[in-house]
């Protein structure tokens, strides 16, 4: 099996175990479950937004340990203070070192900022978990789901009051998976089967994403020039984690990147400022 197949096989076992120990009703009774969620779409499109979805990620299958010292509350607060439009928090432990406690800590530290539960969703139960842990939006990965599953899961997420980021890697995934119950469409420049990264993936697909969806580019975003190129191509949001987390001061790295990016896009009448 490739790494994506391995992750999904493990994920299905994890979910089955959690469903057997924590019933749906207990998740629905969580204090966070009944709160009004924050809109990632509105935050990204707001005047003055950086459009950056800043990620807290300890490690990954392709890079190994990225940062095992950073504290989630301090790091995510730093991101928000530096201008993050949305936060992304990994909750997959076996492959990425994330935990539900990370998402809950980010929620407590940043009550008014939209937070993405970054995980491999295979079951509607995970949407209940996401809401109970404090997430405002969830990730659905087209490579892991059938079109029918994307439609069903995105509709369920909307029923729960959450937004949906659909992640695609090529035109085929985009065409077969996009639906009206998706709010944001993310193009991942990293092939999840080979982990090779190429921003040309985003360039090729941007014109195929209908304008009703917020357009997000993901992975391989390490410098301001690349961001400016993708912004010019039509992307409104940038999901960035490794470029920040590989430093000893992720929030400081965020500030530096935005300070380098802004002059590149100001003359193009961009509203992306901090």
Protein backbone atom coordinates (compact mmCIF):
# COMPACT_ATOMS: atom_id res chain seq x y z
CA UNK A 1 0.00 0.00 0.00
CA UNK A 2 1.10 3.58 -0.60
CA UNK A 3 1.24 5.96 2.38
CA UNK A 4 -2.27 7.31 1.75
CA UNK A 5 -3.72 3.80 1.76
CA UNK A 6 -1.84 3.05 4.98
CA UNK A 7 -3.19 6.19 6.65
CA UNK A 8 -6.77 5.48 5.64
CA UNK A 9 -6.62 1.84 6.74
CA UNK A 10 -5.31 2.93 10.14
CA UNK A 11 -7.87 5.73 10.33
CA UNK A 12 -10.82 3.41 9.80
CA UNK A 13 -9.61 1.20 12.66
CA UNK A 14 -9.14 4.23 14.92
CA UNK A 15 -12.63 5.52 14.20
CA UNK A 16 -14.20 2.12 14.83
CA UNK A 17 -12.45 1.95 18.21
CA UNK A 18 -13.56 5.45 19.21
CA UNK A 19 -17.15 4.85 18.10
CA UNK A 20 -17.21 1.81 20.37
CA UNK A 21 -16.09 3.81 23.41
CA UNK A 22 -17.56 7.30 22.91
CA UNK A 23 -21.18 7.31 21.69
CA UNK A 24 -22.54 10.00 19.40
CA UNK A 25 -24.68 11.46 22.16
CA UNK A 26 -21.70 12.10 24.40
CA UNK A 27 -20.08 14.13 21.63
CA UNK A 28 -23.28 16.09 21.10
CA UNK A 29 -23.35 16.91 24.82
CA UNK A 30 -19.90 18.52 24.67
CA UNK A 31 -19.99 22.19 25.77
CA UNK A 32 -18.39 23.17 22.46
CA UNK A 33 -20.92 21.33 20.34
CA UNK A 34 -23.70 23.90 20.70
CA UNK A 35 -21.59 27.01 20.12
CA UNK A 36 -21.94 29.22 17.05
CA UNK A 37 -19.06 28.41 14.72
CA UNK A 38 -16.74 30.93 13.08
CA UNK A 39 -16.83 31.20 9.27
CA UNK A 40 -13.55 30.49 7.50
CA UNK A 41 -15.03 31.74 4.26
CA UNK A 42 -15.97 35.10 5.78
CA UNK A 43 -12.61 35.46 7.51
CA UNK A 44 -10.64 34.78 4.32
CA UNK A 45 -12.74 37.11 2.18
CA UNK A 46 -12.87 39.93 4.75
CA UNK A 47 -11.22 43.23 3.82
CA UNK A 48 -7.70 43.27 5.25
CA UNK A 49 -7.44 39.49 5.51
CA UNK A 50 -4.07 37.85 4.85
CA UNK A 51 -5.91 34.82 3.49
CA UNK A 52 -3.43 32.60 5.32
CA UNK A 53 -4.57 29.36 6.92
CA UNK A 54 -1.76 28.85 9.43
CA UNK A 55 -1.15 25.26 10.45
CA UNK A 56 0.09 23.67 13.64
CA UNK A 57 1.88 20.48 12.62
CA UNK A 58 4.45 18.54 14.61
CA UNK A 59 5.55 16.06 11.97
CA UNK A 60 4.58 14.38 8.70
CA UNK A 61 5.28 11.10 6.91
CA UNK A 62 7.40 12.86 4.28
CA UNK A 63 9.40 15.20 6.53
CA UNK A 64 9.53 13.34 9.83
CA UNK A 65 9.71 15.58 12.91
CA UNK A 66 9.13 19.21 11.97
CA UNK A 67 8.76 20.76 15.41
CA UNK A 68 8.24 18.78 18.60
CA UNK A 69 8.89 21.71 20.93
CA UNK A 70 6.21 24.28 20.04
CA UNK A 71 3.18 24.63 22.31
CA UNK A 72 -0.15 24.66 20.49
CA UNK A 73 -1.83 27.46 22.46
CA UNK A 74 1.16 29.79 22.28
CA UNK A 75 1.84 29.06 18.60
CA UNK A 76 -1.74 29.45 17.41
CA UNK A 77 -2.20 32.64 19.44
CA UNK A 78 0.94 33.96 17.80
CA UNK A 79 -0.44 33.11 14.37
CA UNK A 80 -3.69 34.96 15.10
CA UNK A 81 -1.90 38.00 16.48
CA UNK A 82 0.25 38.04 13.34
CA UNK A 83 -2.83 38.00 11.11
CA UNK A 84 -3.86 34.41 10.42
CA UNK A 85 -7.31 34.28 8.81
CA UNK A 86 -7.85 30.66 9.79
CA UNK A 87 -6.02 28.09 11.91
CA UNK A 88 -5.42 24.48 10.91
CA UNK A 89 -4.68 21.89 13.59
CA UNK A 90 -3.66 18.29 12.90
CA UNK A 91 -5.53 15.69 14.95
CA UNK A 92 -3.97 12.56 13.40
CA UNK A 93 -1.53 11.06 15.89
CA UNK A 94 0.12 8.00 14.24
CA UNK A 95 1.39 9.85 11.17
CA UNK A 96 1.35 13.55 12.11
CA UNK A 97 1.70 13.64 15.90
CA UNK A 98 -1.54 15.56 16.42
CA UNK A 99 -4.22 14.94 19.05
CA UNK A 100 -7.76 16.05 19.89
CA UNK A 101 -6.22 17.93 22.82
CA UNK A 102 -4.29 20.09 20.32
CA UNK A 103 -7.51 21.20 18.65
CA UNK A 104 -9.18 21.82 21.99
CA UNK A 105 -6.21 23.89 23.20
CA UNK A 106 -6.24 25.97 20.01
CA UNK A 107 -9.97 26.53 20.42
CA UNK A 108 -9.62 27.70 24.01
CA UNK A 109 -6.76 30.03 23.12
CA UNK A 110 -8.50 31.49 20.04
CA UNK A 111 -12.27 31.58 20.61
CA UNK A 112 -13.10 33.84 17.67
CA UNK A 113 -10.82 32.42 14.96
CA UNK A 114 -12.04 29.75 12.50
CA UNK A 115 -10.24 26.44 13.07
CA UNK A 116 -9.91 23.58 10.61
CA UNK A 117 -9.74 20.04 11.93
CA UNK A 118 -6.96 18.68 9.71
CA UNK A 119 -7.40 14.94 9.48
CA UNK A 120 -8.38 12.14 7.15
CA UNK A 121 -12.16 11.98 7.37
CA UNK A 122 -13.63 8.61 6.50
CA UNK A 123 -16.80 8.56 8.60
CA UNK A 124 -19.51 10.98 9.68
CA UNK A 125 -18.59 10.24 13.30
CA UNK A 126 -15.43 12.30 12.77
CA UNK A 127 -17.59 15.32 11.96
CA UNK A 128 -19.30 14.99 15.34
CA UNK A 129 -15.87 14.78 16.94
CA UNK A 130 -14.71 17.87 15.08
CA UNK A 131 -17.70 19.91 16.33
CA UNK A 132 -17.32 18.58 19.88
CA UNK A 133 -13.61 19.41 19.95
CA UNK A 134 -14.13 22.97 18.72
CA UNK A 135 -13.58 22.88 14.96
CA UNK A 136 -15.38 25.28 12.63
CA UNK A 137 -14.60 23.48 9.39
CA UNK A 138 -13.47 20.07 8.27
CA UNK A 139 -11.26 18.71 5.53
CA UNK A 140 -12.59 16.22 2.98
CA UNK A 141 -9.88 14.72 0.78
CA UNK A 142 -11.18 13.70 -2.64
CA UNK A 143 -8.43 11.10 -3.05
CA UNK A 144 -9.77 9.25 0.00
CA UNK A 145 -13.50 9.45 -0.71
CA UNK A 146 -16.01 8.60 -3.41
CA UNK A 147 -18.06 11.46 -4.87
CA UNK A 148 -21.09 10.11 -3.02
CA UNK A 149 -19.15 10.18 0.26
CA UNK A 150 -18.04 13.77 -0.37
CA UNK A 151 -21.64 14.81 -0.96
CA UNK A 152 -22.94 12.99 2.11
CA UNK A 153 -20.19 14.14 4.46
CA UNK A 154 -20.26 17.75 3.28
CA UNK A 155 -24.04 17.86 3.69
CA UNK A 156 -23.70 16.44 7.20
CA UNK A 157 -21.04 19.02 8.05
CA UNK A 158 -23.40 21.78 6.92
CA UNK A 159 -26.20 20.30 8.99
CA UNK A 160 -23.86 20.58 11.98
CA UNK A 161 -23.17 24.22 11.14
CA UNK A 162 -19.60 23.65 9.96
CA UNK A 163 -17.95 24.60 6.68
CA UNK A 164 -16.09 22.24 4.35
CA UNK A 165 -12.70 22.44 2.67
CA UNK A 166 -12.55 19.97 -0.22
CA UNK A 167 -8.99 19.00 -1.13
CA UNK A 168 -8.11 17.85 -4.65
CA UNK A 169 -4.90 16.95 -6.42
CA UNK A 170 -5.90 16.84 -10.08
CA UNK A 171 -8.64 17.75 -12.55
CA UNK A 172 -10.33 14.35 -12.29
CA UNK A 173 -10.74 14.62 -8.50
CA UNK A 174 -12.03 18.17 -8.88
CA UNK A 175 -14.58 17.30 -11.55
CA UNK A 176 -16.01 14.26 -9.83
CA UNK A 177 -16.03 15.57 -6.24
CA UNK A 178 -17.02 19.24 -6.29
CA UNK A 179 -20.55 19.91 -5.07
CA UNK A 180 -22.68 22.73 -3.68
CA UNK A 181 -22.21 21.66 -0.05
CA UNK A 182 -18.50 22.49 -0.24
CA UNK A 183 -17.36 25.99 0.79
CA UNK A 184 -13.65 26.08 -0.01
CA UNK A 185 -11.70 24.12 -2.61
CA UNK A 186 -8.06 23.44 -1.85
CA UNK A 187 -5.53 22.30 -4.41
CA UNK A 188 -2.79 20.32 -2.71
CA UNK A 189 0.48 20.72 -4.56
CA UNK A 190 1.81 17.64 -2.77
CA UNK A 191 0.93 14.28 -4.27
CA UNK A 192 -0.27 12.28 -1.26
CA UNK A 193 0.87 9.04 -2.85
CA UNK A 194 4.42 10.12 -3.72
CA UNK A 195 4.76 13.29 -1.57
CA UNK A 196 6.36 15.14 -4.49
CA UNK A 197 5.39 18.85 -4.42
CA UNK A 198 4.80 21.01 -7.50
CA UNK A 199 2.95 24.35 -7.46
CA UNK A 200 2.16 23.96 -11.15
CA UNK A 201 -0.68 21.74 -9.91
CA UNK A 202 -2.39 24.82 -8.48
CA UNK A 203 -1.68 26.89 -11.58
CA UNK A 204 -3.27 24.27 -13.85
CA UNK A 205 -6.42 23.82 -11.77
CA UNK A 206 -7.34 27.33 -10.64
CA UNK A 207 -9.41 28.21 -13.72
CA UNK A 208 -11.40 24.98 -13.32
CA UNK A 209 -12.64 25.91 -9.83
CA UNK A 210 -15.93 27.84 -10.03
CA UNK A 211 -15.76 31.31 -8.49
CA UNK A 212 -18.48 30.49 -5.96
CA UNK A 213 -15.88 28.58 -3.96
CA UNK A 214 -13.01 30.11 -1.98
CA UNK A 215 -9.86 28.97 -3.77
CA UNK A 216 -7.12 27.64 -1.52
CA UNK A 217 -3.62 26.53 -2.49
CA UNK A 218 -1.84 24.07 -0.20
CA UNK A 219 1.72 22.75 0.29
CA UNK A 220 5.04 23.96 -1.04
CA UNK A 221 4.39 27.57 -0.05
CA UNK A 222 7.73 28.63 1.39
CA UNK A 223 8.35 32.10 -0.05
CA UNK A 224 6.57 35.34 -0.85
CA UNK A 225 7.23 35.14 -4.59
CA UNK A 226 5.42 31.81 -4.85
CA UNK A 227 2.47 33.19 -2.89
CA UNK A 228 2.31 36.27 -5.14
CA UNK A 229 2.34 34.08 -8.24
CA UNK A 230 -0.53 31.98 -6.90
CA UNK A 231 -2.46 35.05 -5.79
CA UNK A 232 -2.11 36.49 -9.27
CA UNK A 233 -3.39 33.18 -10.66
CA UNK A 234 -6.58 33.56 -8.63
CA UNK A 235 -6.06 31.98 -5.21
CA UNK A 236 -7.62 33.72 -2.22
CA UNK A 237 -6.13 31.59 0.53
CA UNK A 238 -2.86 29.86 1.34
CA UNK A 239 -2.56 26.88 3.69
CA UNK A 240 0.93 27.06 5.19
CA UNK A 241 2.37 24.95 7.98
CA UNK A 242 5.84 23.58 7.43
CA UNK A 243 7.37 26.94 6.44
CA UNK A 244 6.35 28.29 9.86
CA UNK A 245 6.67 25.19 12.03
CA UNK A 246 10.21 24.32 10.95
CA UNK A 247 11.44 27.47 12.70
CA UNK A 248 11.91 28.11 16.42
CA UNK A 249 9.38 30.97 16.21
CA UNK A 250 6.47 30.01 13.93
CA UNK A 251 4.56 33.27 14.52
CA UNK A 252 7.68 35.28 13.75
CA UNK A 253 8.15 33.33 10.53
CA UNK A 254 4.53 34.16 9.68
CA UNK A 255 5.15 37.88 10.16
CA UNK A 256 8.31 37.77 8.07
CA UNK A 257 6.58 36.01 5.18
CA UNK A 258 3.69 38.47 5.12
CA UNK A 259 6.05 41.45 5.29
CA UNK A 260 7.86 40.10 2.22
CA UNK A 261 4.62 39.22 0.43
CA UNK A 262 2.72 42.47 0.82
CA UNK A 263 5.01 44.66 -1.32
CA UNK A 264 4.75 42.13 -4.14
CA UNK A 265 0.98 42.37 -4.37
CA UNK A 266 0.21 45.94 -3.25
CA UNK A 267 0.67 47.29 -6.76
CA UNK A 268 -1.86 44.70 -7.96
CA UNK A 269 -4.50 46.30 -5.67
CA UNK A 270 -4.52 43.36 -3.30
CA UNK A 271 -6.44 43.78 -0.06
CA UNK A 272 -4.21 41.26 1.72
CA UNK A 273 -2.53 43.17 4.53
CA UNK A 274 -1.69 42.71 8.18
